Amino acid sequence: MTNRKDILLQTERLYLRHFYEDDFDNLYLLSSNENVMRFFPEVLDVKQTKELLNRIIESYGLYGHCFWAAFLKDSDTFIGMCGLLHQKINHRVETEIAYRILDDYWNQGFATESAIACKNYAFHQLGKNRVISLIRPDNIPSKRVALKTGLTLEAKVLFQEQEHELYSLNNHTELNKKYKDLER
């Protein structure tokens, strides 16, 4: 069971916390899953997963955020990861909302729930002015998550030598939407 002090974000059903070295098995379960990794360049082996875990942990020190491990609140079951990634797109530093959920937990709203929590954290705790998501054109489920999170399609970009759609949301757009909702 997670020490509740380790929890960074909570939603109705989930909590997110930092990854630690002893989370390797969970991360490998996720990164070696062909269904989960379908829209990524490749399924990761043991060595690549260790490298990913090291990069995640290193990013906490460099940027203060990266992927966080996602668990069900009621059972402490690992279901995937969601977080805020530091990306450079077209010579611009961006904060990407990114997620990977184990396929046993797909179509239950967990990706959207965790993505909304990350968006709110980026805007309200980190003071970010903008968030993005980079999504492969054929990844329809992730496009739905982006739209439900409030992001809209901005452009097509080349990322990691593959075409991606860049979805974005500016903090002022989010605030304007809230004010319009209050006026109704």
C-alpha atoms as a PDB file:
ATOM      1  CA  MET A   1       0.000   0.000   0.000  1.00  0.00           C
ATOM      2  CA  THR A   2       1.197   3.480  -0.853  1.00  0.00           C
ATOM      3  CA  ASN A   3       2.125   5.876   1.887  1.00  0.00           C
ATOM      4  CA  ARG A   4      -0.568   8.535   1.471  1.00  0.00           C
ATOM      5  CA  LYS A   5       2.110  11.257   1.716  1.00  0.00           C
ATOM      6  CA  ASP A   6       3.436  10.024  -1.651  1.00  0.00           C
ATOM      7  CA  ILE A   7       0.183  10.857  -3.440  1.00  0.00           C
ATOM      8  CA  LEU A   8       0.505  13.831  -5.783  1.00  0.00           C
ATOM      9  CA  LEU A   9      -2.953  13.845  -7.342  1.00  0.00           C
ATOM     10  CA  GLN A  10      -6.266  12.235  -6.549  1.00  0.00           C
ATOM     11  CA  THR A  11      -9.438  11.848  -8.554  1.00  0.00           C
ATOM     12  CA  GLU A  12     -12.697  10.199  -7.621  1.00  0.00           C
ATOM     13  CA  ARG A  13     -11.304   6.717  -8.340  1.00  0.00           C
ATOM     14  CA  LEU A  14      -7.534   7.118  -8.764  1.00  0.00           C
ATOM     15  CA  TYR A  15      -4.415   8.398  -7.141  1.00  0.00           C
ATOM     16  CA  LEU A  16      -1.172   9.290  -8.898  1.00  0.00           C
ATOM     17  CA  ARG A  17       2.253   9.170  -7.301  1.00  0.00           C
ATOM     18  CA  HIS A  18       5.906   9.269  -8.323  1.00  0.00           C
ATOM     19  CA  PHE A  19       7.508   6.182  -9.794  1.00  0.00           C
ATOM     20  CA  TYR A  20      10.274   4.578  -7.738  1.00  0.00           C
ATOM     21  CA  GLU A  21      12.884   1.985  -8.648  1.00  0.00           C
ATOM     22  CA  ASP A  22      10.774  -0.763  -7.063  1.00  0.00           C
ATOM     23  CA  ASP A  23       7.959   0.051  -9.535  1.00  0.00           C
ATOM     24  CA  PHE A  24       9.885  -1.674 -12.318  1.00  0.00           C
ATOM     25  CA  ASP A  25       7.556  -4.701 -12.496  1.00  0.00           C
ATOM     26  CA  ASN A  26       4.478  -2.500 -12.915  1.00  0.00           C
ATOM     27  CA  LEU A  27       6.167  -0.355 -15.541  1.00  0.00           C
ATOM     28  CA  TYR A  28       7.365  -3.431 -17.416  1.00  0.00           C
ATOM     29  CA  LEU A  29       3.844  -4.905 -17.331  1.00  0.00           C
ATOM     30  CA  LEU A  30       2.639  -1.716 -19.019  1.00  0.00           C
ATOM     31  CA  SER A  31       5.532  -1.144 -21.454  1.00  0.00           C
ATOM     32  CA  SER A  32       5.731  -4.741 -22.664  1.00  0.00           C
ATOM     33  CA  ASN A  33       1.992  -4.928 -23.402  1.00  0.00           C
ATOM     34  CA  GLU A  34       1.458  -4.958 -27.176  1.00  0.00           C
ATOM     35  CA  ASN A  35      -2.037  -3.470 -26.923  1.00  0.00           C
ATOM     36  CA  VAL A  36      -0.878  -0.583 -24.725  1.00  0.00           C
ATOM     37  CA  MET A  37       2.138   0.118 -26.928  1.00  0.00           C
ATOM     38  CA  ARG A  38       0.276  -0.161 -30.242  1.00  0.00           C
ATOM     39  CA  PHE A  39       0.611   3.564 -31.004  1.00  0.00           C
ATOM     40  CA  PHE A  40       4.212   3.859 -29.831  1.00  0.00           C
ATOM     41  CA  PRO A  41       7.337   3.035 -31.839  1.00  0.00           C
ATOM     42  CA  GLU A  42       7.859  -0.320 -30.116  1.00  0.00           C
ATOM     43  CA  VAL A  43       7.090  -2.613 -27.209  1.00  0.00           C
ATOM     44  CA  LEU A  44       9.821  -2.188 -24.601  1.00  0.00           C
ATOM     45  CA  ASP A  45      12.063  -4.982 -23.356  1.00  0.00           C
ATOM     46  CA  VAL A  46      13.539  -5.222 -19.846  1.00  0.00           C
ATOM     47  CA  LYS A  47      16.536  -3.000 -20.624  1.00  0.00           C
ATOM     48  CA  GLN A  48      14.426  -0.340 -22.353  1.00  0.00           C
ATOM     49  CA  THR A  49      11.935  -0.339 -19.473  1.00  0.00           C
ATOM     50  CA  LYS A  50      14.766   0.182 -16.959  1.00  0.00           C
ATOM     51  CA  GLU A  51      15.994   3.100 -19.086  1.00  0.00           C
ATOM     52  CA  LEU A  52      12.465   4.545 -19.205  1.00  0.00           C
ATOM     53  CA  LEU A  53      12.119   4.255 -15.423  1.00  0.00           C
ATOM     54  CA  ASN A  54      15.468   6.010 -14.955  1.00  0.00           C
ATOM     55  CA  ARG A  55      14.422   8.823 -17.345  1.00  0.00           C
ATOM     56  CA  ILE A  56      11.117   9.252 -15.501  1.00  0.00           C
ATOM     57  CA  ILE A  57      12.842   9.506 -12.110  1.00  0.00           C
ATOM     58  CA  GLU A  58      15.503  11.849 -13.535  1.00  0.00           C
ATOM     59  CA  SER A  59      12.784  14.098 -15.010  1.00  0.00           C
ATOM     60  CA  TYR A  60      11.298  14.690 -11.552  1.00  0.00           C
ATOM     61  CA  GLY A  61      14.563  16.391 -10.601  1.00  0.00           C
ATOM     62  CA  LEU A  62      14.948  18.263 -13.889  1.00  0.00           C
ATOM     63  CA  TYR A  63      11.384  19.472 -14.461  1.00  0.00           C
ATOM     64  CA  GLY A  64       9.437  18.594 -11.309  1.00  0.00           C
ATOM     65  CA  HIS A  65       7.114  16.295 -13.234  1.00  0.00           C
ATOM     66  CA  CYS A  66       6.931  13.403 -15.684  1.00  0.00           C
ATOM     67  CA  PHE A  67       4.826  10.247 -15.765  1.00  0.00           C
ATOM     68  CA  TRP A  68       3.226   9.313 -12.451  1.00  0.00           C
ATOM     69  CA  ALA A  69       2.092   5.817 -11.499  1.00  0.00           C
ATOM     70  CA  ALA A  70      -1.720   5.513 -11.481  1.00  0.00           C
ATOM     71  CA  PHE A  71      -3.511   3.304  -8.966  1.00  0.00           C
ATOM     72  CA  LEU A  72      -7.123   2.504  -8.140  1.00  0.00           C
ATOM     73  CA  LYS A  73      -7.944   4.119  -4.800  1.00  0.00           C
ATOM     74  CA  ASP A  74     -10.116   1.293  -3.534  1.00  0.00           C
ATOM     75  CA  SER A  75      -7.625  -1.540  -4.106  1.00  0.00           C
ATOM     76  CA  ASP A  76      -4.181   0.069  -4.630  1.00  0.00           C
ATOM     77  CA  THR A  77      -4.084  -1.711  -8.002  1.00  0.00           C
ATOM     78  CA  PHE A  78      -1.634  -0.317 -10.575  1.00  0.00           C
ATOM     79  CA  ILE A  79      -3.503   0.520 -13.788  1.00  0.00           C
ATOM     80  CA  GLY A  80      -0.985   2.583 -15.751  1.00  0.00           C
ATOM     81  CA  MET A  81       0.617   5.988 -15.801  1.00  0.00           C
ATOM     82  CA  CYS A  82      -0.325   9.542 -16.580  1.00  0.00           C
ATOM     83  CA  GLY A  83       1.630  12.713 -16.269  1.00  0.00           C
ATOM     84  CA  LEU A  84       3.105  15.883 -17.647  1.00  0.00           C
ATOM     85  CA  LEU A  85       6.040  15.499 -20.017  1.00  0.00           C
ATOM     86  CA  HIS A  86       8.578  18.144 -20.986  1.00  0.00           C
ATOM     87  CA  GLN A  87       8.645  18.147 -24.798  1.00  0.00           C
ATOM     88  CA  LYS A  88      10.290  20.285 -27.448  1.00  0.00           C
ATOM     89  CA  ILE A  89       8.063  20.645 -30.505  1.00  0.00           C
ATOM     90  CA  ASN A  90       9.080  22.875 -33.422  1.00  0.00           C
ATOM     91  CA  HIS A  91      11.658  24.687 -31.247  1.00  0.00           C
ATOM     92  CA  ARG A  92       9.053  25.393 -28.544  1.00  0.00           C
ATOM     93  CA  VAL A  93       9.051  23.872 -25.053  1.00  0.00           C
ATOM     94  CA  GLU A  94       5.661  22.312 -24.325  1.00  0.00           C
ATOM     95  CA  THR A  95       4.002  20.505 -21.422  1.00  0.00           C
ATOM     96  CA  GLU A  96       2.376  17.336 -22.710  1.00  0.00           C
ATOM     97  CA  ILE A  97      -0.406  15.452 -20.964  1.00  0.00           C
ATOM     98  CA  ALA A  98       0.456  11.816 -21.648  1.00  0.00           C
ATOM     99  CA  TYR A  99      -0.950   8.522 -20.412  1.00  0.00           C
ATOM    100  CA  ARG A 100      -0.787   4.776 -20.856  1.00  0.00           C
ATOM    101  CA  ILE A 101      -3.434   2.582 -19.250  1.00  0.00           C
ATOM    102  CA  LEU A 102      -3.338  -1.218 -19.013  1.00  0.00           C
ATOM    103  CA  ASP A 103      -5.822  -2.690 -21.484  1.00  0.00           C
ATOM    104  CA  ASP A 104      -7.819  -4.417 -18.717  1.00  0.00           C
ATOM    105  CA  TYR A 105      -8.853  -0.904 -17.638  1.00  0.00           C
ATOM    106  CA  TRP A 106      -9.707   0.606 -21.025  1.00  0.00           C
ATOM    107  CA  ASN A 107     -13.134   2.110 -21.743  1.00  0.00           C
ATOM    108  CA  GLN A 108     -13.780   2.904 -18.088  1.00  0.00           C
ATOM    109  CA  GLY A 109     -12.862   6.602 -18.179  1.00  0.00           C
ATOM    110  CA  PHE A 110      -9.541   6.258 -16.335  1.00  0.00           C
ATOM    111  CA  ALA A 111      -7.451   7.942 -19.053  1.00  0.00           C
ATOM    112  CA  THR A 112      -9.812  10.924 -19.165  1.00  0.00           C
ATOM    113  CA  GLU A 113     -10.050  11.132 -15.377  1.00  0.00           C
ATOM    114  CA  SER A 114      -6.282  11.142 -14.946  1.00  0.00           C
ATOM    115  CA  ALA A 115      -5.709  13.498 -17.909  1.00  0.00           C
ATOM    116  CA  ILE A 116      -8.137  16.065 -16.463  1.00  0.00           C
ATOM    117  CA  ALA A 117      -6.340  15.849 -13.105  1.00  0.00           C
ATOM    118  CA  CYS A 118      -2.994  16.431 -14.860  1.00  0.00           C
ATOM    119  CA  LYS A 119      -4.411  19.382 -16.832  1.00  0.00           C
ATOM    120  CA  ASN A 120      -5.710  20.985 -13.636  1.00  0.00           C
ATOM    121  CA  TYR A 121      -2.383  20.358 -11.886  1.00  0.00           C
ATOM    122  CA  ALA A 122      -0.475  21.952 -14.781  1.00  0.00           C
ATOM    123  CA  PHE A 123      -2.649  25.073 -14.749  1.00  0.00           C
ATOM    124  CA  HIS A 124      -3.333  25.522 -11.036  1.00  0.00           C
ATOM    125  CA  GLN A 125      -0.266  24.111  -9.249  1.00  0.00           C
ATOM    126  CA  LEU A 126       2.473  24.595 -11.833  1.00  0.00           C
ATOM    127  CA  GLY A 127       1.147  27.806 -13.381  1.00  0.00           C
ATOM    128  CA  LYS A 128       1.493  26.513 -16.948  1.00  0.00           C
ATOM    129  CA  ASN A 129      -0.178  28.629 -19.623  1.00  0.00           C
ATOM    130  CA  ARG A 130      -0.695  25.784 -22.074  1.00  0.00           C
ATOM    131  CA  VAL A 131      -0.855  22.003 -22.281  1.00  0.00           C
ATOM    132  CA  ILE A 132      -0.721  19.728 -25.302  1.00  0.00           C
ATOM    133  CA  SER A 133      -1.186  16.099 -26.233  1.00  0.00           C
ATOM    134  CA  LEU A 134       0.673  14.460 -29.108  1.00  0.00           C
ATOM    135  CA  ILE A 135      -1.494  11.766 -30.675  1.00  0.00           C
ATOM    136  CA  ARG A 136      -0.965   9.498 -33.647  1.00  0.00           C
ATOM    137  CA  PRO A 137      -3.660  10.115 -36.306  1.00  0.00           C
ATOM    138  CA  ASP A 138      -4.973   6.538 -36.039  1.00  0.00           C
ATOM    139  CA  ASN A 139      -5.272   6.627 -32.221  1.00  0.00           C
ATOM    140  CA  ILE A 140      -8.996   7.379 -32.020  1.00  0.00           C
ATOM    141  CA  PRO A 141      -9.374   6.571 -28.277  1.00  0.00           C
ATOM    142  CA  SER A 142      -6.666   9.094 -27.326  1.00  0.00           C
ATOM    143  CA  LYS A 143      -8.267  11.734 -29.550  1.00  0.00           C
ATOM    144  CA  ARG A 144     -11.497  11.237 -27.577  1.00  0.00           C
ATOM    145  CA  VAL A 145      -9.592  11.633 -24.296  1.00  0.00           C
ATOM    146  CA  ALA A 146      -7.984  14.861 -25.538  1.00  0.00           C
ATOM    147  CA  LEU A 147     -11.348  16.309 -26.558  1.00  0.00           C
ATOM    148  CA  LYS A 148     -12.999  15.300 -23.258  1.00  0.00           C
ATOM    149  CA  THR A 149     -10.092  16.953 -21.444  1.00  0.00           C
ATOM    150  CA  GLY A 150     -10.834  20.203 -23.293  1.00  0.00           C
ATOM    151  CA  LEU A 151      -8.014  20.137 -25.842  1.00  0.00           C
ATOM    152  CA  THR A 152      -8.613  20.859 -29.526  1.00  0.00           C
ATOM    153  CA  LEU A 153      -6.696  19.892 -32.643  1.00  0.00           C
ATOM    154  CA  GLU A 154      -4.144  22.570 -33.455  1.00  0.00           C
ATOM    155  CA  ALA A 155      -1.754  21.106 -36.027  1.00  0.00           C
ATOM    156  CA  LYS A 156      -0.071  18.087 -37.522  1.00  0.00           C
ATOM    157  CA  VAL A 157       3.559  17.726 -36.464  1.00  0.00           C
ATOM    158  CA  LEU A 158       6.433  15.337 -36.928  1.00  0.00           C
ATOM    159  CA  PHE A 159       7.422  13.872 -33.552  1.00  0.00           C
ATOM    160  CA  GLN A 160       9.915  11.034 -33.066  1.00  0.00           C
ATOM    161  CA  GLU A 161       9.956  10.651 -36.848  1.00  0.00           C
ATOM    162  CA  GLN A 162       6.220   9.906 -36.972  1.00  0.00           C
ATOM    163  CA  GLU A 163       3.250  12.071 -37.871  1.00  0.00           C
ATOM    164  CA  HIS A 164       1.257  13.177 -34.832  1.00  0.00           C
ATOM    165  CA  GLU A 165      -1.677  15.452 -34.258  1.00  0.00           C
ATOM    166  CA  LEU A 166      -1.015  18.160 -31.701  1.00  0.00           C
ATOM    167  CA  TYR A 167      -4.004  18.896 -29.469  1.00  0.00           C
ATOM    168  CA  SER A 168      -3.726  21.934 -27.208  1.00  0.00           C
ATOM    169  CA  LEU A 169      -5.460  23.993 -24.557  1.00  0.00           C
ATOM    170  CA  ASN A 170      -4.427  27.406 -23.309  1.00  0.00           C
ATOM    171  CA  ASN A 171      -5.134  28.290 -19.695  1.00  0.00           C
ATOM    172  CA  HIS A 172      -7.026  31.442 -20.738  1.00  0.00           C
ATOM    173  CA  THR A 173      -9.274  29.288 -22.962  1.00  0.00           C
ATOM    174  CA  GLU A 174     -10.152  27.205 -19.923  1.00  0.00           C
ATOM    175  CA  LEU A 175     -10.900  30.336 -17.863  1.00  0.00           C
ATOM    176  CA  ASN A 176     -13.038  31.864 -20.638  1.00  0.00           C
ATOM    177  CA  LYS A 177     -15.083  28.662 -20.815  1.00  0.00           C
ATOM    178  CA  LYS A 178     -15.697  28.769 -17.040  1.00  0.00           C
ATOM    179  CA  TYR A 179     -16.871  32.404 -17.225  1.00  0.00           C
ATOM    180  CA  LYS A 180     -19.232  31.621 -20.120  1.00  0.00           C
ATOM    181  CA  ASP A 181     -20.660  28.706 -18.123  1.00  0.00           C
ATOM    182  CA  LEU A 182     -21.247  31.056 -15.160  1.00  0.00           C
ATOM    183  CA  GLU A 183     -23.102  33.549 -17.383  1.00  0.00           C
ATOM    184  CA  ARG A 184     -25.674  30.937 -18.437  1.00  0.00           C
END
